[in-house]
Amino acid sequence: MVKSLSNDQQQLIQEVYRELTKFYASYFSDTFNELNIGKYKQIRDAIGLVLRKFDSNDHPLEYTCKLIMYIQARVALYHLHLSGEQQQFMHNLAEKTKYTNLSFVYTTPIADVKQFI
């Protein structure tokens, strides 16, 4: 059974996708991230994996919400720096997905990138 999405839900998915695409691109335009790509590569790759979830319509909002928690965990565990622009993307994405039910996507540890594959 295919669940049809309301117009509001489809619009939210499109907004989150646009924001996530900009967030992903910020890892190529931020000089600090580029110079320290080894530390930030997993975050950038995780964002790319979640963007694929939008393409396949595989619970994109749920994975975006979990991505925010993943990035927050990596930043805290590895003392990483996010630019002001990246912090704003994080805030916007967290606000747009804060009422998302995560029961489907809670299957791996929060700091493991494999959860997005």
PDB file of N, CA and C in Angstrom:
ATOM      1  N   MET A   1       0.844  -1.177   0.000  1.00  0.00           N
ATOM      2  CA  MET A   1       0.000   0.000   0.000  1.00  0.00           C
ATOM      3  C   MET A   1       0.888   1.240   0.000  1.00  0.00           C
ATOM      4  N   VAL A   2       0.705   2.106  -0.945  1.00  0.00           N
ATOM      5  CA  VAL A   2       1.483   3.329  -1.049  1.00  0.00           C
ATOM      6  C   VAL A   2       0.733   4.443  -0.340  1.00  0.00           C
ATOM      7  N   LYS A   3       1.410   5.099   0.556  1.00  0.00           N
ATOM      8  CA  LYS A   3       0.808   6.187   1.304  1.00  0.00           C
ATOM      9  C   LYS A   3       1.015   7.488   0.535  1.00  0.00           C
ATOM     10  N   SER A   4      -0.059   8.167   0.190  1.00  0.00           N
ATOM     11  CA  SER A   4       0.080   9.434  -0.515  1.00  0.00           C
ATOM     12  C   SER A   4       0.360  10.537   0.510  1.00  0.00           C
ATOM     13  N   LEU A   5       1.176  11.460   0.093  1.00  0.00           N
ATOM     14  CA  LEU A   5       1.566  12.544   0.975  1.00  0.00           C
ATOM     15  C   LEU A   5       0.710  13.770   0.705  1.00  0.00           C
ATOM     16  N   SER A   6       0.419  14.504   1.752  1.00  0.00           N
ATOM     17  CA  SER A   6      -0.329  15.743   1.585  1.00  0.00           C
ATOM     18  C   SER A   6       0.560  16.783   0.899  1.00  0.00           C
ATOM     19  N   ASN A   7      -0.067  17.820   0.395  1.00  0.00           N
ATOM     20  CA  ASN A   7       0.699  18.896  -0.238  1.00  0.00           C
ATOM     21  C   ASN A   7       1.666  19.543   0.740  1.00  0.00           C
ATOM     22  N   ASP A   8       1.241  19.704   1.998  1.00  0.00           N
ATOM     23  CA  ASP A   8       2.120  20.288   3.022  1.00  0.00           C
ATOM     24  C   ASP A   8       3.341  19.399   3.258  1.00  0.00           C
ATOM     25  N   GLN A   9       3.114  18.101   3.298  1.00  0.00           N
ATOM     26  CA  GLN A   9       4.215  17.152   3.517  1.00  0.00           C
ATOM     27  C   GLN A   9       5.182  17.172   2.330  1.00  0.00           C
ATOM     28  N   GLN A  10       4.632  17.206   1.121  1.00  0.00           N
ATOM     29  CA  GLN A  10       5.485  17.266  -0.073  1.00  0.00           C
ATOM     30  C   GLN A  10       6.289  18.557  -0.109  1.00  0.00           C
ATOM     31  N   GLN A  11       5.657  19.657   0.275  1.00  0.00           N
ATOM     32  CA  GLN A  11       6.350  20.939   0.304  1.00  0.00           C
ATOM     33  C   GLN A  11       7.467  20.918   1.345  1.00  0.00           C
ATOM     34  N   LEU A  12       7.196  20.335   2.512  1.00  0.00           N
ATOM     35  CA  LEU A  12       8.218  20.223   3.555  1.00  0.00           C
ATOM     36  C   LEU A  12       9.396  19.394   3.063  1.00  0.00           C
ATOM     37  N   ILE A  13       9.116  18.290   2.399  1.00  0.00           N
ATOM     38  CA  ILE A  13      10.179  17.444   1.861  1.00  0.00           C
ATOM     39  C   ILE A  13      11.033  18.227   0.869  1.00  0.00           C
ATOM     40  N   GLN A  14      10.393  19.003   0.009  1.00  0.00           N
ATOM     41  CA  GLN A  14      11.136  19.813  -0.964  1.00  0.00           C
ATOM     42  C   GLN A  14      11.990  20.877  -0.280  1.00  0.00           C
ATOM     43  N   GLU A  15      11.443  21.526   0.755  1.00  0.00           N
ATOM     44  CA  GLU A  15      12.194  22.545   1.493  1.00  0.00           C
ATOM     45  C   GLU A  15      13.413  21.929   2.178  1.00  0.00           C
ATOM     46  N   VAL A  16      13.205  20.794   2.818  1.00  0.00           N
ATOM     47  CA  VAL A  16      14.304  20.127   3.519  1.00  0.00           C
ATOM     48  C   VAL A  16      15.363  19.679   2.513  1.00  0.00           C
ATOM     49  N   TYR A  17      14.936  19.178   1.370  1.00  0.00           N
ATOM     50  CA  TYR A  17      15.877  18.748   0.330  1.00  0.00           C
ATOM     51  C   TYR A  17      16.738  19.924  -0.145  1.00  0.00           C
ATOM     52  N   ARG A  18      16.103  21.061  -0.400  1.00  0.00           N
ATOM     53  CA  ARG A  18      16.866  22.253  -0.836  1.00  0.00           C
ATOM     54  C   ARG A  18      17.873  22.679   0.231  1.00  0.00           C
ATOM     55  N   GLU A  19      17.427  22.698   1.471  1.00  0.00           N
ATOM     56  CA  GLU A  19      18.304  23.100   2.579  1.00  0.00           C
ATOM     57  C   GLU A  19      19.467  22.118   2.735  1.00  0.00           C
ATOM     58  N   LEU A  20      19.170  20.837   2.632  1.00  0.00           N
ATOM     59  CA  LEU A  20      20.189  19.802   2.765  1.00  0.00           C
ATOM     60  C   LEU A  20      21.194  19.870   1.615  1.00  0.00           C
ATOM     61  N   THR A  21      20.728  20.190   0.421  1.00  0.00           N
ATOM     62  CA  THR A  21      21.624  20.344  -0.729  1.00  0.00           C
ATOM     63  C   THR A  21      22.589  21.503  -0.506  1.00  0.00           C
ATOM     64  N   LYS A  22      22.091  22.598   0.026  1.00  0.00           N
ATOM     65  CA  LYS A  22      22.951  23.757   0.334  1.00  0.00           C
ATOM     66  C   LYS A  22      23.960  23.395   1.434  1.00  0.00           C
ATOM     67  N   PHE A  23      23.481  22.651   2.426  1.00  0.00           N
ATOM     68  CA  PHE A  23      24.349  22.220   3.523  1.00  0.00           C
ATOM     69  C   PHE A  23      25.487  21.363   2.968  1.00  0.00           C
ATOM     70  N   TYR A  24      25.151  20.430   2.086  1.00  0.00           N
ATOM     71  CA  TYR A  24      26.162  19.568   1.462  1.00  0.00           C
ATOM     72  C   TYR A  24      27.174  20.412   0.685  1.00  0.00           C
ATOM     73  N   ALA A  25      26.690  21.363  -0.091  1.00  0.00           N
ATOM     74  CA  ALA A  25      27.573  22.223  -0.887  1.00  0.00           C
ATOM     75  C   ALA A  25      28.485  23.071  -0.005  1.00  0.00           C
ATOM     76  N   SER A  26      28.050  23.390   1.203  1.00  0.00           N
ATOM     77  CA  SER A  26      28.864  24.225   2.097  1.00  0.00           C
ATOM     78  C   SER A  26      30.174  23.547   2.485  1.00  0.00           C
ATOM     79  N   TYR A  27      30.219  22.228   2.402  1.00  0.00           N
ATOM     80  CA  TYR A  27      31.459  21.522   2.739  1.00  0.00           C
ATOM     81  C   TYR A  27      32.501  21.642   1.638  1.00  0.00           C
ATOM     82  N   PHE A  28      32.091  22.111   0.473  1.00  0.00           N
ATOM     83  CA  PHE A  28      33.035  22.329  -0.617  1.00  0.00           C
ATOM     84  C   PHE A  28      33.448  23.795  -0.700  1.00  0.00           C
ATOM     85  N   SER A  29      32.662  24.680  -0.097  1.00  0.00           N
ATOM     86  CA  SER A  29      32.957  26.106  -0.189  1.00  0.00           C
ATOM     87  C   SER A  29      33.630  26.663   1.064  1.00  0.00           C
ATOM     88  N   ASP A  30      33.632  25.911   2.153  1.00  0.00           N
ATOM     89  CA  ASP A  30      34.250  26.378   3.392  1.00  0.00           C
ATOM     90  C   ASP A  30      35.722  25.971   3.407  1.00  0.00           C
ATOM     91  N   THR A  31      36.604  26.948   3.421  1.00  0.00           N
ATOM     92  CA  THR A  31      38.048  26.696   3.353  1.00  0.00           C
ATOM     93  C   THR A  31      38.524  25.845   4.519  1.00  0.00           C
ATOM     94  N   PHE A  32      38.025  26.113   5.730  1.00  0.00           N
ATOM     95  CA  PHE A  32      38.456  25.356   6.903  1.00  0.00           C
ATOM     96  C   PHE A  32      38.111  23.880   6.736  1.00  0.00           C
ATOM     97  N   ASN A  33      36.886  23.594   6.270  1.00  0.00           N
ATOM     98  CA  ASN A  33      36.476  22.207   6.067  1.00  0.00           C
ATOM     99  C   ASN A  33      37.321  21.538   4.990  1.00  0.00           C
ATOM    100  N   GLU A  34      37.627  22.272   3.927  1.00  0.00           N
ATOM    101  CA  GLU A  34      38.428  21.714   2.831  1.00  0.00           C
ATOM    102  C   GLU A  34      39.853  21.403   3.298  1.00  0.00           C
ATOM    103  N   LEU A  35      40.432  22.272   4.120  1.00  0.00           N
ATOM    104  CA  LEU A  35      41.787  22.046   4.612  1.00  0.00           C
ATOM    105  C   LEU A  35      41.839  20.894   5.606  1.00  0.00           C
ATOM    106  N   ASN A  36      40.742  20.629   6.257  1.00  0.00           N
ATOM    107  CA  ASN A  36      40.664  19.565   7.263  1.00  0.00           C
ATOM    108  C   ASN A  36      39.668  18.489   6.842  1.00  0.00           C
ATOM    109  N   ILE A  37      39.655  18.155   5.560  1.00  0.00           N
ATOM    110  CA  ILE A  37      38.633  17.285   5.010  1.00  0.00           C
ATOM    111  C   ILE A  37      38.584  15.911   5.691  1.00  0.00           C
ATOM    112  N   GLY A  38      39.703  15.440   6.180  1.00  0.00           N
ATOM    113  CA  GLY A  38      39.714  14.140   6.854  1.00  0.00           C
ATOM    114  C   GLY A  38      38.741  14.083   8.019  1.00  0.00           C
ATOM    115  N   LYS A  39      38.642  15.169   8.768  1.00  0.00           N
ATOM    116  CA  LYS A  39      37.745  15.216   9.920  1.00  0.00           C
ATOM    117  C   LYS A  39      36.283  15.368   9.505  1.00  0.00           C
ATOM    118  N   TYR A  40      36.054  16.014   8.368  1.00  0.00           N
ATOM    119  CA  TYR A  40      34.694  16.366   7.961  1.00  0.00           C
ATOM    120  C   TYR A  40      34.128  15.475   6.863  1.00  0.00           C
ATOM    121  N   LYS A  41      34.943  14.598   6.315  1.00  0.00           N
ATOM    122  CA  LYS A  41      34.512  13.765   5.192  1.00  0.00           C
ATOM    123  C   LYS A  41      33.321  12.880   5.557  1.00  0.00           C
ATOM    124  N   GLN A  42      33.322  12.296   6.744  1.00  0.00           N
ATOM    125  CA  GLN A  42      32.209  11.428   7.133  1.00  0.00           C
ATOM    126  C   GLN A  42      30.903  12.203   7.245  1.00  0.00           C
ATOM    127  N   ILE A  43      30.972  13.428   7.728  1.00  0.00           N
ATOM    128  CA  ILE A  43      29.757  14.242   7.818  1.00  0.00           C
ATOM    129  C   ILE A  43      29.252  14.564   6.416  1.00  0.00           C
ATOM    130  N   ARG A  44      30.171  15.005   5.568  1.00  0.00           N
ATOM    131  CA  ARG A  44      29.796  15.342   4.190  1.00  0.00           C
ATOM    132  C   ARG A  44      29.213  14.123   3.473  1.00  0.00           C
ATOM    133  N   ASP A  45      29.848  12.972   3.649  1.00  0.00           N
ATOM    134  CA  ASP A  45      29.366  11.749   3.010  1.00  0.00           C
ATOM    135  C   ASP A  45      27.999  11.331   3.554  1.00  0.00           C
ATOM    136  N   ALA A  46      27.783  11.509   4.853  1.00  0.00           N
ATOM    137  CA  ALA A  46      26.489  11.170   5.449  1.00  0.00           C
ATOM    138  C   ALA A  46      25.383  12.056   4.870  1.00  0.00           C
ATOM    139  N   ILE A  47      25.686  13.324   4.662  1.00  0.00           N
ATOM    140  CA  ILE A  47      24.698  14.222   4.047  1.00  0.00           C
ATOM    141  C   ILE A  47      24.371  13.728   2.640  1.00  0.00           C
ATOM    142  N   GLY A  48      25.396  13.323   1.898  1.00  0.00           N
ATOM    143  CA  GLY A  48      25.177  12.786   0.555  1.00  0.00           C
ATOM    144  C   GLY A  48      24.319  11.535   0.571  1.00  0.00           C
ATOM    145  N   LEU A  49      24.534  10.672   1.548  1.00  0.00           N
ATOM    146  CA  LEU A  49      23.723   9.451   1.659  1.00  0.00           C
ATOM    147  C   LEU A  49      22.258   9.780   1.958  1.00  0.00           C
ATOM    148  N   VAL A  50      22.044  10.785   2.795  1.00  0.00           N
ATOM    149  CA  VAL A  50      20.670  11.174   3.115  1.00  0.00           C
ATOM    150  C   VAL A  50      20.008  11.829   1.898  1.00  0.00           C
ATOM    151  N   LEU A  51      20.776  12.561   1.116  1.00  0.00           N
ATOM    152  CA  LEU A  51      20.216  13.121  -0.124  1.00  0.00           C
ATOM    153  C   LEU A  51      19.713  12.006  -1.040  1.00  0.00           C
ATOM    154  N   ARG A  52      20.396  10.874  -1.037  1.00  0.00           N
ATOM    155  CA  ARG A  52      19.930   9.716  -1.824  1.00  0.00           C
ATOM    156  C   ARG A  52      18.589   9.202  -1.321  1.00  0.00           C
ATOM    157  N   LYS A  53      18.350   9.325  -0.021  1.00  0.00           N
ATOM    158  CA  LYS A  53      17.067   8.886   0.547  1.00  0.00           C
ATOM    159  C   LYS A  53      15.917   9.701  -0.048  1.00  0.00           C
ATOM    160  N   PHE A  54      16.188  10.962  -0.365  1.00  0.00           N
ATOM    161  CA  PHE A  54      15.164  11.791  -1.000  1.00  0.00           C
ATOM    162  C   PHE A  54      14.896  11.292  -2.415  1.00  0.00           C
ATOM    163  N   ASP A  55      15.965  10.934  -3.127  1.00  0.00           N
ATOM    164  CA  ASP A  55      15.812  10.453  -4.500  1.00  0.00           C
ATOM    165  C   ASP A  55      14.999   9.163  -4.573  1.00  0.00           C
ATOM    166  N   SER A  56      15.181   8.299  -3.579  1.00  0.00           N
ATOM    167  CA  SER A  56      14.456   7.019  -3.566  1.00  0.00           C
ATOM    168  C   SER A  56      13.179   7.076  -2.730  1.00  0.00           C
ATOM    169  N   ASN A  57      12.891   8.254  -2.142  1.00  0.00           N
ATOM    170  CA  ASN A  57      11.722   8.463  -1.283  1.00  0.00           C
ATOM    171  C   ASN A  57      11.683   7.451  -0.135  1.00  0.00           C
ATOM    172  N   ASP A  58      12.835   7.201   0.461  1.00  0.00           N
ATOM    173  CA  ASP A  58      12.993   6.248   1.558  1.00  0.00           C
ATOM    174  C   ASP A  58      13.048   6.994   2.892  1.00  0.00           C
ATOM    175  N   HIS A  59      11.912   7.415   3.391  1.00  0.00           N
ATOM    176  CA  HIS A  59      11.811   8.106   4.678  1.00  0.00           C
ATOM    177  C   HIS A  59      12.791   9.284   4.774  1.00  0.00           C
ATOM    178  N   PRO A  60      12.740  10.217   3.838  1.00  0.00           N
ATOM    179  CA  PRO A  60      13.735  11.292   3.801  1.00  0.00           C
ATOM    180  C   PRO A  60      13.729  12.204   5.025  1.00  0.00           C
ATOM    181  N   LEU A  61      12.561  12.530   5.556  1.00  0.00           N
ATOM    182  CA  LEU A  61      12.530  13.416   6.725  1.00  0.00           C
ATOM    183  C   LEU A  61      13.067  12.707   7.960  1.00  0.00           C
ATOM    184  N   GLU A  62      12.766  11.427   8.083  1.00  0.00           N
ATOM    185  CA  GLU A  62      13.253  10.665   9.224  1.00  0.00           C
ATOM    186  C   GLU A  62      14.783  10.585   9.197  1.00  0.00           C
ATOM    187  N   TYR A  63      15.334  10.310   8.021  1.00  0.00           N
ATOM    188  CA  TYR A  63      16.786  10.223   7.912  1.00  0.00           C
ATOM    189  C   TYR A  63      17.446  11.588   8.082  1.00  0.00           C
ATOM    190  N   THR A  64      16.774  12.639   7.667  1.00  0.00           N
ATOM    191  CA  THR A  64      17.330  13.983   7.872  1.00  0.00           C
ATOM    192  C   THR A  64      17.390  14.303   9.356  1.00  0.00           C
ATOM    193  N   CYS A  65      16.343  13.970  10.069  1.00  0.00           N
ATOM    194  CA  CYS A  65      16.318  14.214  11.514  1.00  0.00           C
ATOM    195  C   CYS A  65      17.434  13.425  12.198  1.00  0.00           C
ATOM    196  N   LYS A  66      17.598  12.182  11.813  1.00  0.00           N
ATOM    197  CA  LYS A  66      18.655  11.369  12.402  1.00  0.00           C
ATOM    198  C   LYS A  66      20.033  11.893  11.998  1.00  0.00           C
ATOM    199  N   LEU A  67      20.144  12.430  10.775  1.00  0.00           N
ATOM    200  CA  LEU A  67      21.402  13.032  10.325  1.00  0.00           C
ATOM    201  C   LEU A  67      21.803  14.192  11.237  1.00  0.00           C
ATOM    202  N   ILE A  68      20.851  15.009  11.617  1.00  0.00           N
ATOM    203  CA  ILE A  68      21.144  16.136  12.509  1.00  0.00           C
ATOM    204  C   ILE A  68      21.720  15.625  13.824  1.00  0.00           C
ATOM    205  N   MET A  69      21.124  14.585  14.367  1.00  0.00           N
ATOM    206  CA  MET A  69      21.649  14.010  15.619  1.00  0.00           C
ATOM    207  C   MET A  69      23.037  13.413  15.398  1.00  0.00           C
ATOM    208  N   TYR A  70      23.242  12.777  14.266  1.00  0.00           N
ATOM    209  CA  TYR A  70      24.550  12.200  13.929  1.00  0.00           C
ATOM    210  C   TYR A  70      25.612  13.294  13.869  1.00  0.00           C
ATOM    211  N   ILE A  71      25.307  14.382  13.186  1.00  0.00           N
ATOM    212  CA  ILE A  71      26.279  15.477  13.062  1.00  0.00           C
ATOM    213  C   ILE A  71      26.550  16.094  14.425  1.00  0.00           C
ATOM    214  N   GLN A  72      25.512  16.295  15.218  1.00  0.00           N
ATOM    215  CA  GLN A  72      25.707  16.836  16.566  1.00  0.00           C
ATOM    216  C   GLN A  72      26.603  15.921  17.393  1.00  0.00           C
ATOM    217  N   ALA A  73      26.413  14.619  17.263  1.00  0.00           N
ATOM    218  CA  ALA A  73      27.246  13.662  18.002  1.00  0.00           C
ATOM    219  C   ALA A  73      28.697  13.731  17.531  1.00  0.00           C
ATOM    220  N   ARG A  74      28.933  13.774  16.228  1.00  0.00           N
ATOM    221  CA  ARG A  74      30.301  13.850  15.689  1.00  0.00           C
ATOM    222  C   ARG A  74      30.987  15.145  16.103  1.00  0.00           C
ATOM    223  N   VAL A  75      30.249  16.237  16.049  1.00  0.00           N
ATOM    224  CA  VAL A  75      30.821  17.527  16.453  1.00  0.00           C
ATOM    225  C   VAL A  75      31.239  17.472  17.921  1.00  0.00           C
ATOM    226  N   ALA A  76      30.393  16.901  18.763  1.00  0.00           N
ATOM    227  CA  ALA A  76      30.712  16.816  20.193  1.00  0.00           C
ATOM    228  C   ALA A  76      31.845  15.827  20.475  1.00  0.00           C
ATOM    229  N   LEU A  77      31.798  14.664  19.856  1.00  0.00           N
ATOM    230  CA  LEU A  77      32.800  13.627  20.132  1.00  0.00           C
ATOM    231  C   LEU A  77      34.197  13.984  19.615  1.00  0.00           C
ATOM    232  N   TYR A  78      34.244  14.644  18.468  1.00  0.00           N
ATOM    233  CA  TYR A  78      35.540  14.921  17.834  1.00  0.00           C
ATOM    234  C   TYR A  78      35.922  16.394  17.852  1.00  0.00           C
ATOM    235  N   HIS A  79      35.182  17.192  18.628  1.00  0.00           N
ATOM    236  CA  HIS A  79      35.475  18.619  18.787  1.00  0.00           C
ATOM    237  C   HIS A  79      35.627  19.315  17.439  1.00  0.00           C
ATOM    238  N   LEU A  80      34.659  19.110  16.563  1.00  0.00           N
ATOM    239  CA  LEU A  80      34.694  19.701  15.235  1.00  0.00           C
ATOM    240  C   LEU A  80      34.065  21.085  15.250  1.00  0.00           C
ATOM    241  N   HIS A  81      34.441  21.895  14.286  1.00  0.00           N
ATOM    242  CA  HIS A  81      33.919  23.246  14.142  1.00  0.00           C
ATOM    243  C   HIS A  81      33.013  23.304  12.917  1.00  0.00           C
ATOM    244  N   LEU A  82      31.829  23.863  13.090  1.00  0.00           N
ATOM    245  CA  LEU A  82      30.951  24.136  11.960  1.00  0.00           C
ATOM    246  C   LEU A  82      30.912  25.638  11.760  1.00  0.00           C
ATOM    247  N   SER A  83      30.933  26.055  10.514  1.00  0.00           N
ATOM    248  CA  SER A  83      30.862  27.484  10.221  1.00  0.00           C
ATOM    249  C   SER A  83      29.498  28.015  10.661  1.00  0.00           C
ATOM    250  N   GLY A  84      29.370  29.329  10.734  1.00  0.00           N
ATOM    251  CA  GLY A  84      28.088  29.936  11.089  1.00  0.00           C
ATOM    252  C   GLY A  84      26.991  29.524  10.124  1.00  0.00           C
ATOM    253  N   GLU A  85      27.332  29.472   8.841  1.00  0.00           N
ATOM    254  CA  GLU A  85      26.369  29.059   7.820  1.00  0.00           C
ATOM    255  C   GLU A  85      25.934  27.611   8.051  1.00  0.00           C
ATOM    256  N   GLN A  86      26.881  26.722   8.356  1.00  0.00           N
ATOM    257  CA  GLN A  86      26.557  25.322   8.598  1.00  0.00           C
ATOM    258  C   GLN A  86      25.725  25.158   9.867  1.00  0.00           C
ATOM    259  N   GLN A  87      26.016  25.945  10.883  1.00  0.00           N
ATOM    260  CA  GLN A  87      25.207  25.902  12.104  1.00  0.00           C
ATOM    261  C   GLN A  87      23.774  26.343  11.821  1.00  0.00           C
ATOM    262  N   GLN A  88      23.632  27.333  10.943  1.00  0.00           N
ATOM    263  CA  GLN A  88      22.296  27.790  10.568  1.00  0.00           C
ATOM    264  C   GLN A  88      21.541  26.709   9.797  1.00  0.00           C
ATOM    265  N   PHE A  89      22.245  26.011   8.902  1.00  0.00           N
ATOM    266  CA  PHE A  89      21.617  24.891   8.190  1.00  0.00           C
ATOM    267  C   PHE A  89      21.152  23.832   9.190  1.00  0.00           C
ATOM    268  N   MET A  90      22.000  23.523  10.148  1.00  0.00           N
ATOM    269  CA  MET A  90      21.648  22.528  11.169  1.00  0.00           C
ATOM    270  C   MET A  90      20.384  22.963  11.924  1.00  0.00           C
ATOM    271  N   HIS A  91      20.361  24.217  12.327  1.00  0.00           N
ATOM    272  CA  HIS A  91      19.209  24.738  13.067  1.00  0.00           C
ATOM    273  C   HIS A  91      17.940  24.662  12.222  1.00  0.00           C
ATOM    274  N   ASN A  92      18.028  25.115  10.977  1.00  0.00           N
ATOM    275  CA  ASN A  92      16.854  25.098  10.097  1.00  0.00           C
ATOM    276  C   ASN A  92      16.344  23.681   9.868  1.00  0.00           C
ATOM    277  N   LEU A  93      17.256  22.757   9.610  1.00  0.00           N
ATOM    278  CA  LEU A  93      16.861  21.364   9.372  1.00  0.00           C
ATOM    279  C   LEU A  93      16.267  20.736  10.630  1.00  0.00           C
ATOM    280  N   ALA A  94      16.858  21.044  11.777  1.00  0.00           N
ATOM    281  CA  ALA A  94      16.328  20.515  13.043  1.00  0.00           C
ATOM    282  C   ALA A  94      14.912  21.033  13.295  1.00  0.00           C
ATOM    283  N   GLU A  95      14.687  22.305  13.021  1.00  0.00           N
ATOM    284  CA  GLU A  95      13.357  22.888  13.206  1.00  0.00           C
ATOM    285  C   GLU A  95      12.330  22.254  12.273  1.00  0.00           C
ATOM    286  N   LYS A  96      12.730  22.006  11.030  1.00  0.00           N
ATOM    287  CA  LYS A  96      11.787  21.468  10.048  1.00  0.00           C
ATOM    288  C   LYS A  96      11.469  19.993  10.275  1.00  0.00           C
ATOM    289  N   THR A  97      12.345  19.282  10.979  1.00  0.00           N
ATOM    290  CA  THR A  97      12.132  17.840  11.168  1.00  0.00           C
ATOM    291  C   THR A  97      11.910  17.455  12.630  1.00  0.00           C
ATOM    292  N   LYS A  98      11.705  18.420  13.500  1.00  0.00           N
ATOM    293  CA  LYS A  98      11.641  18.109  14.933  1.00  0.00           C
ATOM    294  C   LYS A  98      10.426  17.287  15.356  1.00  0.00           C
ATOM    295  N   TYR A  99       9.385  17.249  14.566  1.00  0.00           N
ATOM    296  CA  TYR A  99       8.200  16.462  14.915  1.00  0.00           C
ATOM    297  C   TYR A  99       8.138  15.145  14.147  1.00  0.00           C
ATOM    298  N   THR A 100       9.266  14.705  13.647  1.00  0.00           N
ATOM    299  CA  THR A 100       9.336  13.492  12.842  1.00  0.00           C
ATOM    300  C   THR A 100       9.461  12.268  13.743  1.00  0.00           C
ATOM    301  N   ASN A 101       8.704  11.224  13.438  1.00  0.00           N
ATOM    302  CA  ASN A 101       8.761   9.973  14.180  1.00  0.00           C
ATOM    303  C   ASN A 101       9.992   9.186  13.714  1.00  0.00           C
ATOM    304  N   LEU A 102      10.880   8.879  14.623  1.00  0.00           N
ATOM    305  CA  LEU A 102      12.133   8.211  14.278  1.00  0.00           C
ATOM    306  C   LEU A 102      12.141   6.716  14.568  1.00  0.00           C
ATOM    307  N   SER A 103      11.025   6.148  14.916  1.00  0.00           N
ATOM    308  CA  SER A 103      11.017   4.733  15.297  1.00  0.00           C
ATOM    309  C   SER A 103      11.505   3.828  14.164  1.00  0.00           C
ATOM    310  N   PHE A 104      11.271   4.193  12.917  1.00  0.00           N
ATOM    311  CA  PHE A 104      11.686   3.361  11.794  1.00  0.00           C
ATOM    312  C   PHE A 104      13.199   3.373  11.600  1.00  0.00           C
ATOM    313  N   VAL A 105      13.859   4.480  11.819  1.00  0.00           N
ATOM    314  CA  VAL A 105      15.267   4.614  11.470  1.00  0.00           C
ATOM    315  C   VAL A 105      16.232   4.382  12.634  1.00  0.00           C
ATOM    316  N   TYR A 106      15.727   4.076  13.817  1.00  0.00           N
ATOM    317  CA  TYR A 106      16.620   3.814  14.945  1.00  0.00           C
ATOM    318  C   TYR A 106      17.088   2.367  14.915  1.00  0.00           C
ATOM    319  N   THR A 107      18.142   2.096  14.176  1.00  0.00           N
ATOM    320  CA  THR A 107      18.621   0.723  14.081  1.00  0.00           C
ATOM    321  C   THR A 107      20.115   0.582  14.352  1.00  0.00           C
ATOM    322  N   THR A 108      20.863   1.672  14.428  1.00  0.00           N
ATOM    323  CA  THR A 108      22.309   1.612  14.651  1.00  0.00           C
ATOM    324  C   THR A 108      22.736   2.708  15.619  1.00  0.00           C
ATOM    325  N   PRO A 109      23.960   2.609  16.136  1.00  0.00           N
ATOM    326  CA  PRO A 109      24.461   3.662  17.026  1.00  0.00           C
ATOM    327  C   PRO A 109      24.457   5.032  16.342  1.00  0.00           C
ATOM    328  N   ILE A 110      24.210   6.065  17.107  1.00  0.00           N
ATOM    329  CA  ILE A 110      24.035   7.413  16.566  1.00  0.00           C
ATOM    330  C   ILE A 110      25.288   7.946  15.868  1.00  0.00           C
ATOM    331  N   ALA A 111      26.474   7.520  16.254  1.00  0.00           N
ATOM    332  CA  ALA A 111      27.705   8.054  15.660  1.00  0.00           C
ATOM    333  C   ALA A 111      28.248   7.186  14.530  1.00  0.00           C
ATOM    334  N   ASP A 112      27.424   6.270  14.007  1.00  0.00           N
ATOM    335  CA  ASP A 112      27.860   5.364  12.945  1.00  0.00           C
ATOM    336  C   ASP A 112      27.272   5.800  11.601  1.00  0.00           C
ATOM    337  N   VAL A 113      28.143   6.095  10.629  1.00  0.00           N
ATOM    338  CA  VAL A 113      27.694   6.557   9.312  1.00  0.00           C
ATOM    339  C   VAL A 113      26.934   5.474   8.556  1.00  0.00           C
ATOM    340  N   LYS A 114      27.126   4.212   8.920  1.00  0.00           N
ATOM    341  CA  LYS A 114      26.468   3.102   8.219  1.00  0.00           C
ATOM    342  C   LYS A 114      24.944   3.152   8.362  1.00  0.00           C
ATOM    343  N   GLN A 115      24.446   3.904   9.290  1.00  0.00           N
ATOM    344  CA  GLN A 115      22.999   4.008   9.479  1.00  0.00           C
ATOM    345  C   GLN A 115      22.295   4.674   8.293  1.00  0.00           C
ATOM    346  N   PHE A 116      23.055   5.343   7.440  1.00  0.00           N
ATOM    347  CA  PHE A 116      22.446   6.053   6.314  1.00  0.00           C
ATOM    348  C   PHE A 116      22.566   5.291   4.995  1.00  0.00           C
ATOM    349  N   ILE A 117      23.153   4.117   5.043  1.00  0.00           N
ATOM    350  CA  ILE A 117      23.345   3.326   3.811  1.00  0.00           C
ATOM    351  C   ILE A 117      22.066   2.558   3.496  1.00  0.00           C
TER     352      ILE A 117
END
